[in-house]
C-alpha atoms as a PDB file:
ATOM      1  CA  MET A   1      -9.271 -24.788   1.853  1.00  0.00           C
ATOM      2  CA  LYS A   2      -7.423 -25.985   4.932  1.00  0.00           C
ATOM      3  CA  CYS A   3      -9.191 -25.320   8.247  1.00  0.00           C
ATOM      4  CA  PRO A   4      -7.098 -22.981  10.449  1.00  0.00           C
ATOM      5  CA  TYR A   5      -8.355 -24.773  13.585  1.00  0.00           C
ATOM      6  CA  CYS A   6      -7.954 -28.492  12.877  1.00  0.00           C
ATOM      7  CA  CYS A   7      -5.986 -28.442   9.559  1.00  0.00           C
ATOM      8  CA  HIS A   8      -8.599 -30.590   7.803  1.00  0.00           C
ATOM      9  CA  HIS A   9      -8.298 -30.077   4.034  1.00  0.00           C
ATOM     10  CA  GLU A  10     -11.978 -29.896   3.171  1.00  0.00           C
ATOM     11  CA  SER A  11     -14.447 -27.107   3.796  1.00  0.00           C
ATOM     12  CA  LYS A  12     -17.573 -25.791   2.173  1.00  0.00           C
ATOM     13  CA  VAL A  13     -18.384 -22.238   1.192  1.00  0.00           C
ATOM     14  CA  LEU A  14     -21.409 -20.872   3.058  1.00  0.00           C
ATOM     15  CA  ASP A  15     -21.382 -17.343   1.645  1.00  0.00           C
ATOM     16  CA  SER A  16     -19.403 -15.329  -0.936  1.00  0.00           C
ATOM     17  CA  ARG A  17     -19.458 -11.594  -1.465  1.00  0.00           C
ATOM     18  CA  PRO A  18     -17.134  -8.890  -2.760  1.00  0.00           C
ATOM     19  CA  THR A  19     -15.359  -6.632  -0.278  1.00  0.00           C
ATOM     20  CA  GLU A  20     -16.280  -2.942  -0.147  1.00  0.00           C
ATOM     21  CA  ASP A  21     -13.589  -1.949  -2.643  1.00  0.00           C
ATOM     22  CA  ASP A  22     -14.429  -4.868  -4.998  1.00  0.00           C
ATOM     23  CA  ARG A  23     -10.797  -6.012  -4.991  1.00  0.00           C
ATOM     24  CA  GLU A  24     -11.378  -9.254  -3.104  1.00  0.00           C
ATOM     25  CA  ILE A  25     -13.999 -11.914  -2.562  1.00  0.00           C
ATOM     26  CA  ARG A  26     -14.856 -12.686   1.064  1.00  0.00           C
ATOM     27  CA  ARG A  27     -15.831 -16.309   1.594  1.00  0.00           C
ATOM     28  CA  ARG A  28     -17.390 -17.653   4.777  1.00  0.00           C
ATOM     29  CA  ARG A  29     -16.480 -21.331   5.114  1.00  0.00           C
ATOM     30  CA  GLU A  30     -17.271 -24.276   7.348  1.00  0.00           C
ATOM     31  CA  CYS A  31     -14.861 -27.112   8.116  1.00  0.00           C
ATOM     32  CA  LEU A  32     -16.181 -30.506   6.969  1.00  0.00           C
ATOM     33  CA  ASN A  33     -14.365 -32.424   9.724  1.00  0.00           C
ATOM     34  CA  GLN A  34     -17.224 -33.877  11.820  1.00  0.00           C
ATOM     35  CA  LYS A  35     -15.325 -33.191  15.068  1.00  0.00           C
ATOM     36  CA  CYS A  36     -14.519 -29.559  14.199  1.00  0.00           C
ATOM     37  CA  ARG A  37     -17.287 -27.952  12.057  1.00  0.00           C
ATOM     38  CA  ARG A  38     -15.902 -24.484  12.900  1.00  0.00           C
ATOM     39  CA  ARG A  39     -16.454 -21.542  10.615  1.00  0.00           C
ATOM     40  CA  PHE A  40     -13.784 -19.214   9.235  1.00  0.00           C
ATOM     41  CA  THR A  41     -13.372 -16.482   6.651  1.00  0.00           C
ATOM     42  CA  THR A  42     -11.030 -16.406   3.656  1.00  0.00           C
ATOM     43  CA  TYR A  43     -10.300 -13.680   1.124  1.00  0.00           C
ATOM     44  CA  GLU A  44      -9.585 -14.311  -2.521  1.00  0.00           C
ATOM     45  CA  ARG A  45      -7.775 -11.724  -4.652  1.00  0.00           C
ATOM     46  CA  TYR A  46      -6.989 -11.690  -8.363  1.00  0.00           C
ATOM     47  CA  ASN A  47      -3.245 -11.991  -8.735  1.00  0.00           C
ATOM     48  CA  GLY A  48      -2.772 -10.652 -12.293  1.00  0.00           C
ATOM     49  CA  SER A  49       0.520 -10.162 -14.046  1.00  0.00           C
ATOM     50  CA  PRO A  50       3.331  -9.175 -11.702  1.00  0.00           C
ATOM     51  CA  LEU A  51       4.168  -5.502 -11.454  1.00  0.00           C
ATOM     52  CA  LEU A  52       7.899  -4.827 -11.564  1.00  0.00           C
ATOM     53  CA  VAL A  53       9.578  -1.791 -10.038  1.00  0.00           C
ATOM     54  CA  VAL A  54      12.543  -0.355 -11.942  1.00  0.00           C
ATOM     55  CA  LYS A  55      14.976   0.947  -9.329  1.00  0.00           C
ATOM     56  CA  LYS A  56      17.370   3.890  -9.789  1.00  0.00           C
ATOM     57  CA  ASP A  57      20.225   1.512 -10.692  1.00  0.00           C
ATOM     58  CA  GLN A  58      17.932  -0.167 -13.295  1.00  0.00           C
ATOM     59  CA  ARG A  59      17.471  -3.344 -11.219  1.00  0.00           C
ATOM     60  CA  ARG A  60      13.972  -4.754 -11.319  1.00  0.00           C
ATOM     61  CA  GLU A  61      12.109  -6.221  -8.383  1.00  0.00           C
ATOM     62  CA  PRO A  62       8.481  -7.235  -7.814  1.00  0.00           C
ATOM     63  CA  PHE A  63       6.229  -4.509  -6.446  1.00  0.00           C
ATOM     64  CA  SER A  64       5.576  -4.983  -2.741  1.00  0.00           C
ATOM     65  CA  SER A  65       2.651  -3.197  -1.126  1.00  0.00           C
ATOM     66  CA  GLU A  66       4.095  -4.262   2.236  1.00  0.00           C
ATOM     67  CA  LYS A  67       7.394  -2.516   1.474  1.00  0.00           C
ATOM     68  CA  LEU A  68       5.479   0.588   0.399  1.00  0.00           C
ATOM     69  CA  LYS A  69       3.420   0.500   3.597  1.00  0.00           C
ATOM     70  CA  ILE A  70       6.570   0.227   5.744  1.00  0.00           C
ATOM     71  CA  GLY A  71       8.125   3.240   3.997  1.00  0.00           C
ATOM     72  CA  ILE A  72       5.012   5.342   4.550  1.00  0.00           C
ATOM     73  CA  MET A  73       4.720   4.183   8.170  1.00  0.00           C
ATOM     74  CA  LYS A  74       8.313   5.304   8.834  1.00  0.00           C
ATOM     75  CA  ALA A  75       7.443   8.774   7.593  1.00  0.00           C
ATOM     76  CA  CYS A  76       4.261   8.795   9.693  1.00  0.00           C
ATOM     77  CA  GLU A  77       5.850   7.546  12.912  1.00  0.00           C
ATOM     78  CA  LYS A  78       4.448   9.419  15.943  1.00  0.00           C
ATOM     79  CA  ARG A  79       2.063  11.332  13.658  1.00  0.00           C
ATOM     80  CA  PRO A  80      -1.746  11.277  13.833  1.00  0.00           C
ATOM     81  CA  LEU A  81      -2.175   9.393  10.522  1.00  0.00           C
ATOM     82  CA  GLY A  82      -3.662   6.009  11.432  1.00  0.00           C
ATOM     83  CA  VAL A  83      -2.751   2.581  10.103  1.00  0.00           C
ATOM     84  CA  GLY A  84      -6.135   2.288   8.376  1.00  0.00           C
ATOM     85  CA  ARG A  85      -5.564   5.494   6.437  1.00  0.00           C
ATOM     86  CA  ILE A  86      -2.022   4.418   5.538  1.00  0.00           C
ATOM     87  CA  LYS A  87      -3.447   1.155   4.171  1.00  0.00           C
ATOM     88  CA  GLU A  88      -5.937   3.165   2.085  1.00  0.00           C
ATOM     89  CA  ILE A  89      -3.071   5.259   0.677  1.00  0.00           C
ATOM     90  CA  VAL A  90      -1.116   2.105  -0.202  1.00  0.00           C
ATOM     91  CA  ASP A  91      -4.214   0.613  -1.856  1.00  0.00           C
ATOM     92  CA  ASP A  92      -4.824   3.837  -3.837  1.00  0.00           C
ATOM     93  CA  ILE A  93      -1.230   3.879  -5.058  1.00  0.00           C
ATOM     94  CA  GLU A  94      -1.242   0.193  -5.972  1.00  0.00           C
ATOM     95  CA  ARG A  95      -4.549   0.619  -7.822  1.00  0.00           C
ATOM     96  CA  ALA A  96      -3.146   3.584  -9.792  1.00  0.00           C
ATOM     97  CA  LEU A  97      -0.027   1.619 -10.713  1.00  0.00           C
ATOM     98  CA  ARG A  98      -1.967  -1.457 -11.815  1.00  0.00           C
ATOM     99  CA  LEU A  99      -4.353   0.647 -13.920  1.00  0.00           C
ATOM    100  CA  SER A 100      -1.411   1.781 -16.026  1.00  0.00           C
ATOM    101  CA  THR A 101      -0.825  -0.330 -19.130  1.00  0.00           C
ATOM    102  CA  ASP A 102       2.782  -1.154 -18.253  1.00  0.00           C
ATOM    103  CA  ASP A 103       3.974  -4.151 -16.265  1.00  0.00           C
ATOM    104  CA  GLU A 104       6.941  -2.060 -15.086  1.00  0.00           C
ATOM    105  CA  VAL A 105       6.892   1.129 -13.080  1.00  0.00           C
ATOM    106  CA  ASN A 106       9.759   3.451 -12.267  1.00  0.00           C
ATOM    107  CA  SER A 107      10.444   3.773  -8.538  1.00  0.00           C
ATOM    108  CA  ASN A 108      10.324   7.566  -8.999  1.00  0.00           C
ATOM    109  CA  ARG A 109       6.656   7.288  -9.993  1.00  0.00           C
ATOM    110  CA  ILE A 110       5.882   5.461  -6.762  1.00  0.00           C
ATOM    111  CA  GLY A 111       7.742   8.101  -4.740  1.00  0.00           C
ATOM    112  CA  GLU A 112       5.820  10.893  -6.459  1.00  0.00           C
ATOM    113  CA  LEU A 113       2.478   9.196  -5.754  1.00  0.00           C
ATOM    114  CA  VAL A 114       3.386   8.807  -2.073  1.00  0.00           C
ATOM    115  CA  MET A 115       4.416  12.464  -1.909  1.00  0.00           C
ATOM    116  CA  GLU A 116       1.107  13.552  -3.496  1.00  0.00           C
ATOM    117  CA  HIS A 117      -0.871  11.629  -0.882  1.00  0.00           C
ATOM    118  CA  LEU A 118       1.218  12.692   2.110  1.00  0.00           C
ATOM    119  CA  SER A 119       1.221  16.358   1.088  1.00  0.00           C
ATOM    120  CA  ARG A 120      -2.569  16.290   1.477  1.00  0.00           C
ATOM    121  CA  GLU A 121      -2.574  14.219   4.679  1.00  0.00           C
ATOM    122  CA  ASP A 122       0.242  15.382   6.954  1.00  0.00           C
ATOM    123  CA  GLU A 123       2.894  18.024   6.239  1.00  0.00           C
ATOM    124  CA  ILE A 124       5.453  16.590   8.661  1.00  0.00           C
ATOM    125  CA  ALA A 125       5.116  13.049   7.297  1.00  0.00           C
ATOM    126  CA  TYR A 126       5.381  14.566   3.815  1.00  0.00           C
ATOM    127  CA  ILE A 127       8.674  16.294   4.665  1.00  0.00           C
ATOM    128  CA  ARG A 128      10.006  13.154   6.363  1.00  0.00           C
ATOM    129  CA  PHE A 129       9.195  11.043   3.317  1.00  0.00           C
ATOM    130  CA  ALA A 130      10.662  13.672   0.996  1.00  0.00           C
ATOM    131  CA  SER A 131      13.913  13.648   2.950  1.00  0.00           C
ATOM    132  CA  MET A 132      14.229   9.874   2.366  1.00  0.00           C
ATOM    133  CA  TYR A 133      12.925   9.887  -1.198  1.00  0.00           C
ATOM    134  CA  LYS A 134      14.898  12.898  -2.411  1.00  0.00           C
ATOM    135  CA  GLU A 135      17.965  11.828  -0.417  1.00  0.00           C
ATOM    136  CA  PHE A 136      18.691  15.214   1.142  1.00  0.00           C
ATOM    137  CA  LYS A 137      22.388  15.484   2.000  1.00  0.00           C
ATOM    138  CA  GLU A 138      22.399  18.697   4.030  1.00  0.00           C
ATOM    139  CA  LEU A 139      20.060  20.821   6.082  1.00  0.00           C
ATOM    140  CA  LYS A 140      20.155  23.385   3.259  1.00  0.00           C
ATOM    141  CA  ASP A 141      18.479  20.813   0.957  1.00  0.00           C
ATOM    142  CA  VAL A 142      15.578  20.482   3.416  1.00  0.00           C
ATOM    143  CA  GLU A 143      15.353  24.254   3.764  1.00  0.00           C
ATOM    144  CA  ILE A 144      15.146  24.754  -0.010  1.00  0.00           C
ATOM    145  CA  PHE A 145      12.509  22.019  -0.301  1.00  0.00           C
ATOM    146  CA  ILE A 146      10.359  23.590   2.429  1.00  0.00           C
ATOM    147  CA  GLU A 147      10.660  27.045   0.865  1.00  0.00           C
ATOM    148  CA  GLU A 148       9.591  25.645  -2.525  1.00  0.00           C
ATOM    149  CA  GLU A 149       6.632  23.872  -0.907  1.00  0.00           C
ATOM    150  CA  MET A 150       5.535  27.019   0.927  1.00  0.00           C
ATOM    151  CA  LEU A 151       5.707  28.953  -2.351  1.00  0.00           C
ATOM    152  CA  ARG A 152       3.723  26.240  -4.158  1.00  0.00           C
ATOM    153  CA  LYS A 153       1.030  26.250  -1.454  1.00  0.00           C
ATOM    154  CA  LYS A 154       0.848  30.035  -1.502  1.00  0.00           C
ATOM    155  CA  LYS A 155       0.279  30.000  -5.283  1.00  0.00           C
ATOM    156  CA  ALA A 156      -2.313  27.221  -5.011  1.00  0.00           C
ATOM    157  CA  GLY A 157      -4.232  29.196  -2.647  1.00  0.00           C
END
């Protein structure tokens, strides 16, 4: 592993342990360059088979947790939902997608998972995301969506 301080290509592992969610291995390393000897941390993650997203026009592209995070952050702009919680939502969604037996996932499934999470977290972010995801064309579309949501919540309890 290349040292981030001096760019020396050799280091030794001092400690390895799984992260809290068991999705990565945290390794504490020491540079073997006699002049540097600095310590740094690396993270190792299993990079299994690629997950492909099937878009509405049937194009396929690799799943990007970063793209998902950006979409959720847009919906949560100027809302109280913190970056840490958004990262947890992205991780939950990615975990759910990877647990499925398919290597391809429909983009609608991703949108539905985001909506499920945001509906529990922040109603305004939920409506913002829905307006992008469902591609509302008119104010009437938003109004109908909100009425349906209010009815659903009333029934739920």
